[in-house]
Amino acid sequence: MPPIIHADRCTHCGMCATICPMNIFKHEKGQTPRVAYPEECWHCNACVLDCPAHAVELRLPLNYMVLHVDADTLHA
């Protein structure tokens, strides 16, 4: 599932497009970036972490969520 860009929070800085290792975003100056290649998203969270306006939300596919294990729950 591709990231969501909340247009109401976006400042049009293009950081998400700059930081994305897969170049899934297309950004033109003064416009809200768009997800041009959603199937290429690695769900690395770089766009979410580096967005200064907190305008990007990452939706993880169900199989990613099922595989997530909180390290605090692991016991030796």
N, C-alpha and C. Protein backbone atom coordinates (compact mmCIF):
# COMPACT_ATOMS: atom_id res chain seq x y z
N MET A 1 0.84 -1.17 0.00
CA MET A 1 0.00 0.00 0.00
C MET A 1 0.89 1.24 0.00
N PRO A 2 0.57 2.18 -0.83
CA PRO A 2 1.42 3.37 -0.95
C PRO A 2 1.22 4.35 0.20
N PRO A 3 2.17 5.23 0.40
CA PRO A 3 2.03 6.28 1.41
C PRO A 3 0.89 7.23 1.04
N ILE A 4 0.35 7.88 2.05
CA ILE A 4 -0.68 8.89 1.85
C ILE A 4 -0.05 10.24 2.18
N ILE A 5 -0.26 11.22 1.32
CA ILE A 5 0.20 12.58 1.57
C ILE A 5 -1.02 13.41 1.92
N HIS A 6 -1.03 13.94 3.12
CA HIS A 6 -2.13 14.78 3.58
C HIS A 6 -1.90 16.20 3.05
N ALA A 7 -2.66 16.55 2.02
CA ALA A 7 -2.48 17.84 1.33
C ALA A 7 -2.70 19.03 2.26
N ASP A 8 -3.56 18.86 3.26
CA ASP A 8 -3.83 19.97 4.18
C ASP A 8 -2.65 20.28 5.09
N ARG A 9 -1.75 19.32 5.28
CA ARG A 9 -0.56 19.52 6.11
C ARG A 9 0.70 19.78 5.29
N CYS A 10 0.69 19.38 4.04
CA CYS A 10 1.88 19.46 3.17
C CYS A 10 2.29 20.91 2.92
N THR A 11 3.59 21.17 3.05
CA THR A 11 4.14 22.50 2.79
C THR A 11 4.80 22.58 1.40
N HIS A 12 4.70 21.51 0.62
CA HIS A 12 5.22 21.44 -0.75
C HIS A 12 6.74 21.54 -0.81
N CYS A 13 7.42 21.09 0.24
CA CYS A 13 8.88 21.19 0.28
C CYS A 13 9.55 20.14 -0.61
N GLY A 14 8.88 19.00 -0.85
CA GLY A 14 9.44 17.94 -1.69
C GLY A 14 10.42 17.02 -0.99
N MET A 15 10.50 17.10 0.34
CA MET A 15 11.44 16.24 1.07
C MET A 15 11.12 14.76 0.85
N CYS A 16 9.86 14.41 0.79
CA CYS A 16 9.49 13.01 0.59
C CYS A 16 10.04 12.50 -0.75
N ALA A 17 9.93 13.33 -1.78
CA ALA A 17 10.44 12.95 -3.10
C ALA A 17 11.96 12.88 -3.11
N THR A 18 12.60 13.75 -2.36
CA THR A 18 14.06 13.79 -2.31
C THR A 18 14.62 12.59 -1.56
N ILE A 19 13.99 12.21 -0.47
CA ILE A 19 14.53 11.18 0.42
C ILE A 19 14.16 9.75 -0.01
N CYS A 20 13.14 9.59 -0.80
CA CYS A 20 12.66 8.24 -1.16
C CYS A 20 13.71 7.47 -1.96
N PRO A 21 14.15 6.31 -1.46
CA PRO A 21 15.17 5.53 -2.19
C PRO A 21 14.65 4.91 -3.48
N MET A 22 13.32 4.80 -3.61
CA MET A 22 12.74 4.19 -4.80
C MET A 22 12.14 5.21 -5.77
N ASN A 23 12.24 6.49 -5.43
CA ASN A 23 11.73 7.56 -6.29
C ASN A 23 10.27 7.34 -6.69
N ILE A 24 9.43 7.00 -5.71
CA ILE A 24 8.02 6.76 -6.02
C ILE A 24 7.21 8.05 -6.13
N PHE A 25 7.76 9.15 -5.63
CA PHE A 25 7.04 10.43 -5.64
C PHE A 25 7.40 11.27 -6.84
N LYS A 26 6.44 12.03 -7.31
CA LYS A 26 6.68 13.06 -8.33
C LYS A 26 6.34 14.39 -7.68
N HIS A 27 7.25 15.36 -7.79
CA HIS A 27 7.04 16.64 -7.15
C HIS A 27 7.41 17.78 -8.08
N GLU A 28 6.50 18.71 -8.21
CA GLU A 28 6.76 19.94 -8.95
C GLU A 28 6.68 21.08 -7.96
N LYS A 29 7.58 22.03 -8.09
CA LYS A 29 7.68 23.14 -7.14
C LYS A 29 6.31 23.83 -6.95
N GLY A 30 5.96 24.01 -5.68
CA GLY A 30 4.71 24.68 -5.34
C GLY A 30 3.49 23.78 -5.33
N GLN A 31 3.66 22.50 -5.62
CA GLN A 31 2.53 21.57 -5.64
C GLN A 31 2.75 20.45 -4.64
N THR A 32 1.66 19.85 -4.21
CA THR A 32 1.74 18.70 -3.32
C THR A 32 2.31 17.52 -4.10
N PRO A 33 3.33 16.86 -3.57
CA PRO A 33 3.87 15.68 -4.27
C PRO A 33 2.80 14.62 -4.43
N ARG A 34 2.95 13.79 -5.42
CA ARG A 34 2.00 12.69 -5.62
C ARG A 34 2.78 11.38 -5.69
N VAL A 35 2.10 10.31 -5.34
CA VAL A 35 2.70 8.98 -5.40
C VAL A 35 2.50 8.47 -6.83
N ALA A 36 3.57 8.48 -7.60
CA ALA A 36 3.50 8.10 -9.01
C ALA A 36 3.69 6.61 -9.24
N TYR A 37 4.45 5.96 -8.37
CA TYR A 37 4.75 4.53 -8.55
C TYR A 37 4.47 3.78 -7.24
N PRO A 38 3.21 3.64 -6.87
CA PRO A 38 2.87 3.04 -5.57
C PRO A 38 3.35 1.60 -5.40
N GLU A 39 3.41 0.87 -6.48
CA GLU A 39 3.82 -0.54 -6.39
C GLU A 39 5.30 -0.70 -6.09
N GLU A 40 6.08 0.36 -6.21
CA GLU A 40 7.52 0.31 -5.96
C GLU A 40 7.89 0.63 -4.51
N CYS A 41 6.92 1.01 -3.68
CA CYS A 41 7.22 1.42 -2.31
C CYS A 41 7.75 0.24 -1.49
N TRP A 42 8.86 0.47 -0.80
CA TRP A 42 9.48 -0.55 0.05
C TRP A 42 8.97 -0.48 1.49
N HIS A 43 8.17 0.51 1.81
CA HIS A 43 7.66 0.72 3.17
C HIS A 43 8.81 0.92 4.16
N CYS A 44 9.80 1.69 3.71
CA CYS A 44 10.99 1.92 4.54
C CYS A 44 10.78 3.01 5.59
N ASN A 45 9.72 3.83 5.43
CA ASN A 45 9.33 4.86 6.39
C ASN A 45 10.19 6.12 6.31
N ALA A 46 11.10 6.22 5.35
CA ALA A 46 11.95 7.40 5.24
C ALA A 46 11.13 8.66 4.99
N CYS A 47 10.13 8.57 4.14
CA CYS A 47 9.30 9.74 3.82
C CYS A 47 8.54 10.23 5.05
N VAL A 48 8.08 9.30 5.87
CA VAL A 48 7.34 9.66 7.08
C VAL A 48 8.27 10.34 8.09
N LEU A 49 9.42 9.76 8.30
CA LEU A 49 10.35 10.28 9.30
C LEU A 49 10.95 11.62 8.92
N ASP A 50 11.16 11.88 7.63
CA ASP A 50 11.84 13.10 7.21
C ASP A 50 10.91 14.24 6.81
N CYS A 51 9.62 14.01 6.78
CA CYS A 51 8.69 15.08 6.41
C CYS A 51 8.59 16.08 7.56
N PRO A 52 9.02 17.33 7.34
CA PRO A 52 9.00 18.32 8.43
C PRO A 52 7.59 18.71 8.87
N ALA A 53 6.61 18.51 8.00
CA ALA A 53 5.23 18.89 8.32
C ALA A 53 4.40 17.70 8.82
N HIS A 54 5.02 16.52 8.89
CA HIS A 54 4.31 15.29 9.29
C HIS A 54 3.08 15.07 8.42
N ALA A 55 3.25 15.27 7.12
CA ALA A 55 2.15 15.17 6.18
C ALA A 55 2.07 13.82 5.48
N VAL A 56 3.03 12.94 5.73
CA VAL A 56 3.05 11.65 5.05
C VAL A 56 2.72 10.55 6.06
N GLU A 57 1.83 9.68 5.64
CA GLU A 57 1.43 8.54 6.48
C GLU A 57 1.70 7.27 5.69
N LEU A 58 2.29 6.30 6.34
CA LEU A 58 2.59 5.03 5.68
C LEU A 58 1.59 3.99 6.13
N ARG A 59 0.98 3.34 5.17
CA ARG A 59 0.05 2.25 5.47
C ARG A 59 0.76 0.94 5.17
N LEU A 60 0.89 0.12 6.17
CA LEU A 60 1.57 -1.15 5.98
C LEU A 60 0.59 -2.21 5.50
N PRO A 61 0.99 -3.02 4.54
CA PRO A 61 0.14 -4.14 4.12
C PRO A 61 -0.05 -5.11 5.28
N LEU A 62 -1.15 -5.82 5.27
CA LEU A 62 -1.49 -6.74 6.37
C LEU A 62 -0.37 -7.72 6.66
N ASN A 63 0.25 -8.28 5.63
CA ASN A 63 1.32 -9.27 5.88
C ASN A 63 2.52 -8.63 6.58
N TYR A 64 2.78 -7.34 6.39
CA TYR A 64 3.85 -6.67 7.11
C TYR A 64 3.48 -6.50 8.58
N MET A 65 2.21 -6.17 8.83
CA MET A 65 1.76 -5.96 10.21
C MET A 65 1.79 -7.28 11.00
N VAL A 66 1.44 -8.36 10.35
CA VAL A 66 1.43 -9.67 11.01
C VAL A 66 2.85 -10.08 11.39
N LEU A 67 3.81 -9.74 10.56
CA LEU A 67 5.19 -10.11 10.83
C LEU A 67 5.89 -9.22 11.84
N HIS A 68 5.29 -8.06 12.15
CA HIS A 68 5.91 -7.14 13.12
C HIS A 68 5.87 -7.73 14.52
N VAL A 69 7.01 -7.74 15.17
CA VAL A 69 7.12 -8.24 16.54
C VAL A 69 7.78 -7.15 17.37
N ASP A 70 7.15 -6.78 18.46
CA ASP A 70 7.71 -5.79 19.35
C ASP A 70 8.86 -6.43 20.14
N ALA A 71 10.03 -5.85 20.08
CA ALA A 71 11.23 -6.42 20.71
C ALA A 71 11.05 -6.57 22.21
N ASP A 72 10.24 -5.72 22.84
CA ASP A 72 10.03 -5.81 24.29
C ASP A 72 9.30 -7.09 24.69
N THR A 73 8.62 -7.73 23.75
CA THR A 73 7.86 -8.94 24.08
C THR A 73 8.72 -10.20 23.97
N LEU A 74 9.92 -10.08 23.43
CA LEU A 74 10.78 -11.25 23.27
C LEU A 74 11.56 -11.52 24.56
N HIS A 75 11.55 -12.77 24.98
CA HIS A 75 12.27 -13.17 26.19
C HIS A 75 13.20 -14.33 25.87
N ALA A 76 14.35 -14.31 26.46
CA ALA A 76 15.33 -15.37 26.20
C ALA A 76 15.01 -16.62 26.96
